[in-house]
């Protein structure tokens, strides 16, 4: 699997609230500070489910407005 593909899926998991990532750093033997690997933390499933439900509830008013607008447009397009 390519690096870009892995990055895409990790970002998708972060956006959905299933994982969190934190950058780490290491100190080399000569004292230089360098970037380390990402630290992945799996979030509790219940939090992810609640976030998903919150997002769905926030979408409801937009969906209703969209439905009303498409219904009004359909009435305007039909000849009387």
N, C-alpha and C. Protein backbone atom coordinates (compact mmCIF):
# COMPACT_ATOMS: atom_id res chain seq x y z
N UNK A 1 0.85 -1.16 0.00
CA UNK A 1 0.00 0.00 0.00
C UNK A 1 0.91 1.24 0.00
N UNK A 2 0.57 2.21 -0.80
CA UNK A 2 1.42 3.40 -0.91
C UNK A 2 1.25 4.32 0.30
N UNK A 3 2.22 5.18 0.49
CA UNK A 3 2.20 6.12 1.62
C UNK A 3 1.00 7.05 1.53
N UNK A 4 0.70 7.52 0.33
CA UNK A 4 -0.44 8.44 0.16
C UNK A 4 -1.76 7.76 0.51
N UNK A 5 -1.89 6.49 0.16
CA UNK A 5 -3.12 5.76 0.47
C UNK A 5 -3.28 5.61 1.97
N UNK A 6 -2.21 5.25 2.65
CA UNK A 6 -2.26 5.11 4.11
C UNK A 6 -2.60 6.45 4.75
N UNK A 7 -1.98 7.52 4.27
CA UNK A 7 -2.24 8.86 4.81
C UNK A 7 -3.71 9.23 4.64
N UNK A 8 -4.28 8.89 3.48
CA UNK A 8 -5.68 9.20 3.20
C UNK A 8 -6.60 8.48 4.19
N UNK A 9 -6.35 7.20 4.44
CA UNK A 9 -7.20 6.44 5.33
C UNK A 9 -7.02 6.85 6.79
N UNK A 10 -5.81 7.21 7.19
CA UNK A 10 -5.58 7.68 8.55
C UNK A 10 -6.34 8.99 8.75
N UNK A 11 -6.27 9.90 7.78
CA UNK A 11 -6.99 11.17 7.87
C UNK A 11 -8.49 10.93 7.97
N UNK A 12 -9.00 9.96 7.20
CA UNK A 12 -10.43 9.65 7.23
C UNK A 12 -10.84 9.13 8.62
N UNK A 13 -10.02 8.28 9.23
CA UNK A 13 -10.32 7.78 10.57
C UNK A 13 -10.29 8.91 11.60
N UNK A 14 -9.37 9.86 11.43
CA UNK A 14 -9.30 11.01 12.33
C UNK A 14 -10.55 11.86 12.20
N UNK A 15 -10.97 12.13 10.97
CA UNK A 15 -12.15 12.97 10.74
C UNK A 15 -13.41 12.34 11.33
N UNK A 16 -13.48 11.03 11.30
CA UNK A 16 -14.65 10.34 11.85
C UNK A 16 -14.56 10.17 13.36
N UNK A 17 -13.46 10.57 13.94
CA UNK A 17 -13.32 10.51 15.39
C UNK A 17 -12.99 9.14 15.93
N UNK A 18 -12.53 8.23 15.09
CA UNK A 18 -12.21 6.89 15.55
C UNK A 18 -10.81 6.78 16.14
N UNK A 19 -9.89 7.64 15.68
CA UNK A 19 -8.53 7.64 16.22
C UNK A 19 -8.07 9.07 16.39
N UNK A 20 -7.03 9.24 17.20
CA UNK A 20 -6.33 10.52 17.29
C UNK A 20 -4.85 10.23 17.04
N UNK A 21 -4.17 11.19 16.46
CA UNK A 21 -2.74 11.02 16.21
C UNK A 21 -2.00 12.18 16.86
N UNK A 22 -0.83 11.86 17.38
CA UNK A 22 0.02 12.88 18.00
C UNK A 22 1.43 12.71 17.47
N UNK A 23 2.08 13.79 17.08
CA UNK A 23 3.48 13.67 16.65
C UNK A 23 4.37 13.40 17.87
N UNK A 24 5.42 12.65 17.67
CA UNK A 24 6.38 12.39 18.74
C UNK A 24 7.73 12.92 18.31
N UNK A 25 8.65 13.02 19.25
CA UNK A 25 10.01 13.44 18.91
C UNK A 25 10.98 12.54 19.66
N UNK A 26 12.17 12.41 19.11
CA UNK A 26 13.21 11.61 19.74
C UNK A 26 14.47 12.46 19.85
N UNK A 27 15.29 12.11 20.79
CA UNK A 27 16.56 12.81 20.94
C UNK A 27 17.66 11.83 20.55
N UNK A 28 18.44 12.22 19.58
CA UNK A 28 19.52 11.36 19.07
C UNK A 28 20.66 11.30 20.10
N UNK A 29 21.56 10.37 19.88
CA UNK A 29 22.71 10.22 20.78
C UNK A 29 23.55 11.50 20.86
N UNK A 30 23.58 12.23 19.75
CA UNK A 30 24.38 13.46 19.74
C UNK A 30 23.60 14.67 20.28
N UNK A 31 22.38 14.45 20.80
CA UNK A 31 21.62 15.51 21.43
C UNK A 31 20.65 16.23 20.51
N UNK A 32 20.63 15.89 19.22
CA UNK A 32 19.70 16.54 18.29
C UNK A 32 18.29 16.00 18.50
N UNK A 33 17.33 16.91 18.44
CA UNK A 33 15.93 16.53 18.54
C UNK A 33 15.39 16.31 17.14
N UNK A 34 14.77 15.16 16.90
CA UNK A 34 14.22 14.81 15.58
C UNK A 34 12.76 14.42 15.70
N UNK A 35 12.06 14.50 14.58
CA UNK A 35 10.69 14.03 14.53
C UNK A 35 10.67 12.51 14.66
N UNK A 36 9.73 12.01 15.44
CA UNK A 36 9.57 10.57 15.58
C UNK A 36 8.41 10.10 14.75
N UNK A 37 7.82 8.99 15.16
CA UNK A 37 6.64 8.45 14.48
C UNK A 37 5.38 9.06 15.07
N UNK A 38 4.26 8.89 14.38
CA UNK A 38 2.99 9.33 14.93
C UNK A 38 2.54 8.34 16.00
N UNK A 39 1.94 8.86 17.06
CA UNK A 39 1.37 8.04 18.11
C UNK A 39 -0.13 7.96 17.85
N UNK A 40 -0.64 6.76 17.61
CA UNK A 40 -2.05 6.55 17.31
C UNK A 40 -2.78 6.11 18.57
N UNK A 41 -3.93 6.73 18.82
CA UNK A 41 -4.76 6.35 19.96
C UNK A 41 -6.15 6.02 19.43
N UNK A 42 -6.63 4.83 19.74
CA UNK A 42 -7.98 4.43 19.32
C UNK A 42 -8.97 5.02 20.31
N UNK A 43 -9.95 5.75 19.79
CA UNK A 43 -10.96 6.40 20.62
C UNK A 43 -12.02 5.38 21.03
N UNK A 44 -12.68 5.59 22.16
CA UNK A 44 -13.78 4.70 22.55
C UNK A 44 -14.89 4.73 21.50
N UNK A 45 -15.42 3.56 21.22
CA UNK A 45 -16.44 3.44 20.17
C UNK A 45 -17.68 4.27 20.50
N UNK A 46 -18.08 4.31 21.77
CA UNK A 46 -19.28 5.06 22.15
C UNK A 46 -19.15 6.53 21.78
N UNK A 47 -17.97 7.12 21.95
CA UNK A 47 -17.77 8.52 21.58
C UNK A 47 -17.94 8.71 20.07
N UNK A 48 -17.41 7.77 19.30
CA UNK A 48 -17.54 7.87 17.84
C UNK A 48 -19.00 7.75 17.41
N UNK A 49 -19.74 6.86 18.05
CA UNK A 49 -21.16 6.69 17.73
C UNK A 49 -21.93 7.97 18.06
N UNK A 50 -21.66 8.56 19.24
CA UNK A 50 -22.35 9.78 19.62
C UNK A 50 -22.02 10.93 18.68
N UNK A 51 -20.77 11.01 18.24
CA UNK A 51 -20.37 12.06 17.29
C UNK A 51 -21.10 11.86 15.96
N UNK A 52 -21.21 10.62 15.51
CA UNK A 52 -21.92 10.33 14.27
C UNK A 52 -23.38 10.75 14.38
N UNK A 53 -24.03 10.43 15.51
CA UNK A 53 -25.43 10.82 15.70
C UNK A 53 -25.58 12.34 15.73
N UNK A 54 -24.63 13.03 16.39
CA UNK A 54 -24.67 14.49 16.42
C UNK A 54 -24.60 15.07 15.02
N UNK A 55 -23.69 14.52 14.20
CA UNK A 55 -23.55 15.01 12.83
C UNK A 55 -24.83 14.77 12.03
N UNK A 56 -25.46 13.62 12.23
CA UNK A 56 -26.69 13.33 11.51
C UNK A 56 -27.81 14.28 11.93
N UNK A 57 -27.89 14.59 13.22
CA UNK A 57 -28.92 15.52 13.69
C UNK A 57 -28.68 16.93 13.16
N UNK A 58 -27.42 17.31 13.02
CA UNK A 58 -27.12 18.63 12.47
C UNK A 58 -27.46 18.72 10.99
N UNK A 59 -27.43 17.60 10.28
CA UNK A 59 -27.75 17.59 8.85
C UNK A 59 -29.23 17.68 8.55
N UNK A 60 -30.08 17.33 9.52
CA UNK A 60 -31.53 17.26 9.27
C UNK A 60 -32.09 18.59 8.76
N UNK A 61 -31.83 19.73 9.41
CA UNK A 61 -32.40 20.98 8.89
C UNK A 61 -31.93 21.29 7.46
N UNK A 62 -30.69 20.99 7.13
CA UNK A 62 -30.21 21.23 5.76
C UNK A 62 -30.93 20.34 4.76
N UNK A 63 -31.14 19.08 5.15
CA UNK A 63 -31.85 18.16 4.25
C UNK A 63 -33.29 18.60 4.03
N UNK A 64 -33.93 19.11 5.08
CA UNK A 64 -35.32 19.58 4.96
C UNK A 64 -35.37 20.78 4.02
N UNK A 65 -34.43 21.72 4.19
CA UNK A 65 -34.40 22.89 3.30
C UNK A 65 -34.16 22.47 1.86
N UNK A 66 -33.26 21.53 1.66
CA UNK A 66 -32.97 21.05 0.31
C UNK A 66 -34.21 20.41 -0.32
N UNK A 67 -34.93 19.63 0.48
CA UNK A 67 -36.13 18.96 -0.01
C UNK A 67 -37.20 19.99 -0.38
N UNK A 68 -37.36 21.02 0.46
CA UNK A 68 -38.35 22.06 0.16
C UNK A 68 -37.96 22.81 -1.11
N UNK A 69 -36.69 23.11 -1.27
CA UNK A 69 -36.23 23.83 -2.45
C UNK A 69 -36.42 23.00 -3.71
N UNK A 70 -36.14 21.72 -3.65
CA UNK A 70 -36.30 20.89 -4.85
C UNK A 70 -37.78 20.71 -5.18
N UNK A 71 -38.64 20.66 -4.16
CA UNK A 71 -40.07 20.58 -4.40
C UNK A 71 -40.61 21.84 -5.04
N UNK A 72 -40.13 23.00 -4.60
CA UNK A 72 -40.57 24.28 -5.17
C UNK A 72 -40.09 24.39 -6.60
N UNK A 73 -38.87 23.94 -6.87
CA UNK A 73 -38.34 24.00 -8.24
C UNK A 73 -39.13 23.10 -9.17
N UNK A 74 -39.54 21.94 -8.68
CA UNK A 74 -40.29 21.01 -9.52
C UNK A 74 -41.66 21.61 -9.88
N UNK A 75 -42.27 22.34 -8.94
CA UNK A 75 -43.58 22.97 -9.21
C UNK A 75 -43.42 24.08 -10.24
N UNK A 76 -42.32 24.82 -10.20
CA UNK A 76 -42.09 25.91 -11.14
C UNK A 76 -41.83 25.37 -12.55
N UNK A 77 -41.19 24.23 -12.65
CA UNK A 77 -40.83 23.69 -13.97
C UNK A 77 -42.01 23.10 -14.70
N UNK A 78 -43.02 22.61 -13.96
CA UNK A 78 -44.19 22.01 -14.60
C UNK A 78 -45.11 23.09 -15.17
N UNK A 79 -45.50 22.96 -16.44
CA UNK A 79 -46.44 23.96 -17.00
C UNK A 79 -47.83 23.75 -16.42
N UNK A 80 -48.54 24.82 -16.20
CA UNK A 80 -49.87 24.76 -15.58
C UNK A 80 -50.94 24.51 -16.60
